[in-house]
Amino acid sequence: MRNKNFKELINTLKVGKPCFIIGNGINRYNQKKSEDDISWEGLLLEIYNDIVTKPRKFIPEGIALTEFFDVIDLEKDGKVKRSLQKEFARKLDFNPKLHHEIIVNKIQDLNVPILTTNFDFALERTVNAEMHRYRTNGLRLLSDFYPWDSYFSDSEKEDPFNAFSIWHMHGQKNYTRSIKLGLNQYLLMVDRAKRYFPNQKTENEIPNYSTWIKIFFERDIIIFGLGLNEQEVFIRWLLLQRAKFFKSNPDLKRNGFYINHSEPSKQNVGKKFFLESVGIKYVDFIKDHDGFYNGFWNKT
């Protein structure tokens, strides 16, 4: 028997204004032991070991992945000519599996957006989605460093913020400079994101360009496949800003849900406290990945 939050999630899918925030868990689900490790931890460790003379078998506790990325960047100076983002992008040739198709096709039927923290195109490949760039007043604003106005879909949309579209929050592999993995890069994203918050004043009547941040603030968000632990500095900061915006504008408040697979622990208790404090409700599928990635989508 699912709890109240589960029932609210189902109701939001039926009558709300949902969007989905999808992390790398969708790629890692149902991975066979014989397949390569496609976790961010595994990929970064592989790159690290390609560079240093003394390889490591694991990333030690006490260092966030964002910090580990920056450490690798320090280590590679003079050893690797390609940027670290290019090295990382070369390892992101993921193909969709059956559960990708089930989930993305369902979201496509709902005709709602996807925001993803992933850099690969497994989601897009399920529906042969192509990239488009949204224009404000006929203008295109952003570069390959912050391509936040680009989305992928089955066709170009007049209003991609209220239709099926896939947006990459942390960058995408075809624009390697856009890939953001390091702590320094996260901090720079914070400064950039502030420009696209709702109700921002513009100088000299410059248009307030629309990016995926518009979706983040204006729709009910359903988060899955994302650990959202303390190292997710950027998205947790965004959730705080979203909560502050709704507090100042209660008539614009939207729902939020987080699909949880983790058993209670000190870390999980803290994460749950944080998420509920910013208006994100826990929907528990504890240790039940099959129940969510397969059963949930076949019933909704």
Protein backbone atom coordinates (compact mmCIF):
# COMPACT_ATOMS: atom_id res chain seq x y z
CA MET A 1 0.00 0.00 0.00
CA ARG A 2 1.54 3.28 -1.13
CA ASN A 3 1.32 6.36 1.06
CA LYS A 4 -0.30 9.76 0.61
CA ASN A 5 2.68 11.14 -1.33
CA PHE A 6 2.33 8.35 -3.90
CA LYS A 7 -1.35 9.17 -4.40
CA GLU A 8 -0.51 12.86 -4.81
CA LEU A 9 2.12 11.94 -7.40
CA ILE A 10 -0.43 9.94 -9.42
CA ASN A 11 -2.91 12.80 -9.19
CA THR A 12 -0.25 15.27 -10.38
CA LEU A 13 0.43 13.07 -13.41
CA LYS A 14 -3.28 13.11 -14.22
CA VAL A 15 -4.29 16.71 -13.60
CA GLY A 16 -1.11 18.65 -12.74
CA LYS A 17 1.60 20.28 -14.79
CA PRO A 18 4.46 17.79 -14.42
CA CYS A 19 7.98 17.60 -15.72
CA PHE A 20 10.56 14.94 -14.98
CA ILE A 21 14.10 15.46 -13.73
CA ILE A 22 16.09 12.35 -14.64
CA GLY A 23 19.55 11.38 -13.43
CA ASN A 24 22.07 8.70 -14.37
CA GLY A 25 20.14 6.08 -12.40
CA ILE A 26 18.07 5.42 -15.51
CA ASN A 27 21.26 4.33 -17.30
CA ARG A 28 22.61 2.34 -14.35
CA TYR A 29 19.38 0.44 -13.74
CA ASN A 30 19.58 -3.22 -14.77
CA GLN A 31 23.30 -2.98 -15.59
CA LYS A 32 24.94 -6.37 -15.90
CA LYS A 33 28.19 -7.11 -14.08
CA SER A 34 29.80 -7.89 -17.44
CA GLU A 35 29.04 -4.37 -18.70
CA ASP A 36 31.27 -1.34 -18.14
CA ASP A 37 30.76 0.79 -15.04
CA ILE A 38 28.84 3.83 -16.26
CA SER A 39 28.47 5.57 -12.91
CA TRP A 40 30.03 9.03 -12.71
CA GLU A 41 32.30 7.59 -10.00
CA GLY A 42 33.46 4.79 -12.27
CA LEU A 43 34.03 7.00 -15.30
CA LEU A 44 35.98 9.63 -13.36
CA LEU A 45 38.09 6.97 -11.66
CA GLU A 46 38.88 5.47 -15.07
CA ILE A 47 40.05 8.85 -16.38
CA TYR A 48 42.07 9.45 -13.21
CA ASN A 49 43.85 6.12 -13.56
CA ASP A 50 44.66 6.86 -17.21
CA ILE A 51 46.59 9.94 -16.07
CA VAL A 52 48.35 9.16 -12.80
CA THR A 53 51.23 6.74 -12.20
CA LYS A 54 49.67 5.28 -9.06
CA PRO A 55 46.11 4.20 -9.91
CA ARG A 56 43.32 3.97 -7.37
CA LYS A 57 40.71 1.24 -6.99
CA PHE A 58 38.11 3.58 -5.53
CA ILE A 59 37.46 7.24 -4.77
CA PRO A 60 38.17 7.78 -1.07
CA GLU A 61 35.50 9.03 1.32
CA GLY A 62 35.68 12.67 2.28
CA ILE A 63 35.96 14.06 -1.26
CA ALA A 64 32.96 14.98 -3.41
CA LEU A 65 32.88 13.94 -7.07
CA THR A 66 32.92 17.59 -8.07
CA GLU A 67 36.17 18.03 -6.12
CA PHE A 68 37.60 14.81 -7.55
CA PHE A 69 36.95 16.15 -11.05
CA ASP A 70 38.91 19.31 -10.22
CA VAL A 71 41.75 17.19 -8.75
CA ILE A 72 41.94 15.24 -12.03
CA ASP A 73 42.05 18.54 -13.91
CA LEU A 74 45.06 19.54 -11.81
CA GLU A 75 46.76 16.18 -12.39
CA LYS A 76 46.31 16.20 -16.17
CA ASP A 77 48.22 19.43 -16.82
CA GLY A 78 50.98 18.66 -19.29
CA LYS A 79 49.92 15.01 -19.59
CA VAL A 80 46.72 15.16 -21.65
CA LYS A 81 46.14 17.64 -24.45
CA ARG A 82 42.38 17.15 -24.67
CA SER A 83 40.17 18.87 -22.12
CA LEU A 84 38.81 16.76 -19.32
CA GLN A 85 35.31 17.32 -20.67
CA LYS A 86 36.35 15.78 -24.01
CA GLU A 87 37.87 12.81 -22.21
CA PHE A 88 34.63 12.35 -20.31
CA ALA A 89 32.39 12.81 -23.38
CA ARG A 90 34.26 10.04 -25.23
CA LYS A 91 32.94 7.56 -22.64
CA LEU A 92 29.28 8.55 -22.94
CA ASP A 93 28.06 6.48 -25.87
CA PHE A 94 25.14 4.90 -24.00
CA ASN A 95 22.38 3.04 -25.81
CA PRO A 96 18.82 2.93 -24.48
CA LYS A 97 17.33 -0.25 -23.08
CA LEU A 98 13.73 -1.40 -22.88
CA HIS A 99 13.01 0.59 -19.72
CA HIS A 100 14.29 3.77 -21.41
CA GLU A 101 11.75 3.22 -24.18
CA ILE A 102 8.89 2.52 -21.77
CA ILE A 103 9.61 5.63 -19.69
CA VAL A 104 10.37 8.12 -22.47
CA ASN A 105 7.41 6.94 -24.58
CA LYS A 106 5.14 7.41 -21.56
CA ILE A 107 6.45 10.93 -20.99
CA GLN A 108 6.05 11.65 -24.68
CA ASP A 109 2.41 10.52 -24.44
CA LEU A 110 1.94 12.91 -21.51
CA ASN A 111 3.45 15.64 -23.75
CA VAL A 112 5.56 17.11 -20.93
CA PRO A 113 9.25 18.11 -20.64
CA ILE A 114 12.24 16.19 -19.31
CA LEU A 115 15.16 17.88 -17.57
CA THR A 116 18.20 15.65 -17.22
CA THR A 117 21.50 15.93 -15.40
CA ASN A 118 22.93 13.39 -17.84
CA PHE A 119 25.24 14.36 -20.68
CA ASP A 120 24.56 11.37 -22.96
CA PHE A 121 21.76 10.93 -25.48
CA ALA A 122 20.22 7.61 -24.43
CA LEU A 123 16.91 9.34 -23.71
CA GLU A 124 16.88 11.04 -27.10
CA ARG A 125 17.72 7.84 -28.95
CA THR A 126 14.54 6.16 -27.75
CA VAL A 127 12.40 8.49 -29.90
CA ASN A 128 14.98 9.68 -32.46
CA ALA A 129 14.75 13.17 -30.99
CA GLU A 130 16.73 15.92 -32.74
CA MET A 131 18.22 19.09 -31.27
CA HIS A 132 16.52 22.46 -31.65
CA ARG A 133 17.40 25.89 -30.26
CA TYR A 134 14.66 28.00 -28.71
CA ARG A 135 14.66 31.62 -29.80
CA THR A 136 13.29 34.61 -27.87
CA ASN A 137 11.99 37.40 -30.13
CA GLY A 138 13.75 35.67 -33.01
CA LEU A 139 17.10 35.79 -31.22
CA ARG A 140 19.32 32.97 -30.04
CA LEU A 141 21.28 33.80 -26.91
CA LEU A 142 23.48 31.04 -25.65
CA SER A 143 26.75 29.49 -26.83
CA ASP A 144 28.17 25.97 -26.71
CA PHE A 145 29.46 26.77 -23.21
CA TYR A 146 25.94 27.22 -21.81
CA PRO A 147 23.53 25.77 -24.40
CA TRP A 148 20.61 26.02 -21.98
CA ASP A 149 18.29 27.16 -24.76
CA SER A 150 18.72 23.90 -26.67
CA TYR A 151 16.26 21.03 -26.41
CA PHE A 152 15.68 17.70 -28.10
CA SER A 153 12.32 16.54 -29.37
CA ASP A 154 10.50 14.62 -32.08
CA SER A 155 9.81 17.95 -33.81
CA GLU A 156 10.50 21.65 -33.33
CA LYS A 157 8.08 23.11 -30.79
CA GLU A 158 6.56 26.56 -30.76
CA ASP A 159 6.43 26.30 -26.95
CA PRO A 160 8.88 23.55 -25.87
CA PHE A 161 8.41 24.49 -22.20
CA ASN A 162 4.89 23.06 -22.32
CA ALA A 163 5.42 20.11 -24.63
CA PHE A 164 7.53 16.97 -24.90
CA SER A 165 11.15 18.11 -24.90
CA ILE A 166 14.44 17.00 -23.36
CA TRP A 167 16.77 19.58 -21.81
CA HIS A 168 20.28 18.99 -20.42
CA MET A 169 20.83 20.86 -17.16
CA HIS A 170 24.57 20.19 -16.72
CA GLY A 171 25.62 20.11 -20.37
CA GLN A 172 25.53 17.69 -23.29
CA LYS A 173 28.15 15.53 -24.97
CA ASN A 174 27.92 17.18 -28.41
CA TYR A 175 29.05 20.45 -26.80
CA THR A 176 31.95 19.24 -24.68
CA ARG A 177 32.63 22.68 -23.21
CA SER A 178 29.12 22.63 -21.76
CA ILE A 179 29.80 19.57 -19.58
CA LYS A 180 29.88 20.68 -15.96
CA LEU A 181 31.32 18.22 -13.42
CA GLY A 182 33.71 20.22 -11.24
CA LEU A 183 33.01 22.29 -8.15
CA ASN A 184 34.37 25.42 -9.82
CA GLN A 185 32.06 24.82 -12.80
CA TYR A 186 29.06 24.36 -10.49
CA LEU A 187 29.78 27.68 -8.83
CA LEU A 188 29.94 29.40 -12.20
CA MET A 189 26.59 27.83 -13.12
CA VAL A 190 25.06 29.42 -10.02
CA ASP A 191 26.00 32.88 -11.28
CA ARG A 192 24.74 32.08 -14.79
CA ALA A 193 21.41 30.62 -13.62
CA LYS A 194 20.44 33.78 -11.73
CA ARG A 195 20.04 35.58 -15.06
CA TYR A 196 17.11 33.36 -16.04
CA PHE A 197 15.12 33.29 -12.80
CA PRO A 198 11.46 34.35 -13.07
CA ASN A 199 10.53 37.97 -12.38
CA GLN A 200 14.05 39.20 -13.15
CA LYS A 201 14.30 42.84 -14.16
CA THR A 202 16.08 43.52 -17.44
CA GLU A 203 18.06 46.59 -18.40
CA ASN A 204 17.36 48.60 -21.56
CA GLU A 205 14.39 46.34 -22.34
CA ILE A 206 16.65 43.43 -23.19
CA PRO A 207 14.38 40.34 -23.40
CA ASN A 208 14.49 37.92 -20.50
CA TYR A 209 15.62 34.82 -22.40
CA SER A 210 13.89 31.54 -21.62
CA THR A 211 15.91 28.43 -20.76
CA TRP A 212 15.19 25.10 -19.06
CA ILE A 213 15.14 27.07 -15.77
CA LYS A 214 11.69 28.30 -16.80
CA ILE A 215 10.48 24.68 -16.60
CA PHE A 216 12.16 24.15 -13.23
CA PHE A 217 10.24 27.02 -11.65
CA GLU A 218 6.91 26.73 -13.45
CA ARG A 219 6.07 23.03 -13.37
CA ASP A 220 5.51 20.22 -10.86
CA ILE A 221 8.83 18.37 -10.75
CA ILE A 222 9.24 14.60 -10.40
CA ILE A 223 12.84 13.60 -9.69
CA PHE A 224 14.22 10.10 -10.19
CA GLY A 225 17.50 8.36 -10.96
CA LEU A 226 19.33 11.08 -9.06
CA GLY A 227 21.13 10.60 -5.73
CA LEU A 228 20.74 14.26 -4.74
CA ASN A 229 23.29 13.91 -1.95
CA GLU A 230 25.39 16.77 -0.60
CA GLN A 231 27.69 16.95 -3.61
CA GLU A 232 24.79 17.92 -5.89
CA VAL A 233 25.53 21.54 -5.04
CA PHE A 234 23.95 23.18 -8.08
CA ILE A 235 20.59 21.42 -8.20
CA ARG A 236 20.14 21.59 -4.42
CA TRP A 237 20.82 25.32 -4.59
CA LEU A 238 18.22 25.60 -7.37
CA LEU A 239 15.69 23.77 -5.18
CA LEU A 240 16.33 26.32 -2.43
CA GLN A 241 15.77 29.20 -4.86
CA ARG A 242 12.59 27.55 -6.14
CA ALA A 243 11.26 27.24 -2.57
CA LYS A 244 12.10 30.89 -1.84
CA PHE A 245 10.33 31.98 -5.02
CA PHE A 246 7.19 30.03 -4.07
CA LYS A 247 7.28 31.49 -0.56
CA SER A 248 7.21 34.98 -2.06
CA ASN A 249 4.67 33.95 -4.72
CA PRO A 250 2.38 31.37 -3.08
CA ASP A 251 -0.16 31.57 -5.91
CA LEU A 252 2.50 30.18 -8.27
CA LYS A 253 3.55 27.27 -6.05
CA ARG A 254 3.98 23.87 -7.72
CA ASN A 255 4.37 20.35 -6.37
CA GLY A 256 7.62 18.38 -6.17
CA PHE A 257 8.34 14.66 -5.73
CA TYR A 258 11.49 12.59 -5.24
CA ILE A 259 11.55 8.86 -5.99
CA ASN A 260 13.57 7.30 -3.18
CA HIS A 261 15.18 3.85 -3.33
CA SER A 262 17.47 4.18 -0.29
CA GLU A 263 16.86 2.61 3.09
CA PRO A 264 16.84 4.90 6.16
CA SER A 265 20.34 6.00 7.15
CA LYS A 266 21.99 9.06 8.68
CA GLN A 267 22.68 10.45 5.22
CA ASN A 268 19.22 9.65 3.89
CA VAL A 269 17.50 11.23 6.90
CA GLY A 270 19.37 14.47 6.25
CA LYS A 271 18.57 14.39 2.54
CA LYS A 272 14.89 13.77 3.26
CA PHE A 273 14.87 16.67 5.72
CA PHE A 274 16.40 18.97 3.12
CA LEU A 275 14.09 17.92 0.28
CA GLU A 276 10.93 18.15 2.35
CA SER A 277 12.08 21.58 3.59
CA VAL A 278 12.17 22.83 -0.01
CA GLY A 279 8.79 21.34 -0.88
CA ILE A 280 9.86 18.00 -2.38
CA LYS A 281 7.87 15.00 -1.13
CA TYR A 282 9.45 11.56 -0.74
CA VAL A 283 7.81 8.73 -2.67
CA ASP A 284 9.38 5.51 -1.43
CA PHE A 285 10.36 2.64 -3.68
CA ILE A 286 12.91 1.46 -1.13
CA LYS A 287 15.21 -1.15 -2.72
CA ASP A 288 12.51 -1.60 -5.36
CA HIS A 289 14.07 -0.40 -8.58
CA ASP A 290 12.07 -2.90 -10.65
CA GLY A 291 8.83 -1.64 -9.13
CA PHE A 292 9.56 1.88 -10.32
CA TYR A 293 11.47 1.48 -13.58
CA ASN A 294 9.06 -1.15 -14.88
CA GLY A 295 5.85 -1.59 -12.89
CA PHE A 296 5.13 2.09 -12.15
CA TRP A 297 5.17 3.16 -15.80
CA ASN A 298 3.01 0.27 -16.96
CA LYS A 299 0.27 1.19 -14.47
CA THR A 300 0.16 4.98 -14.75
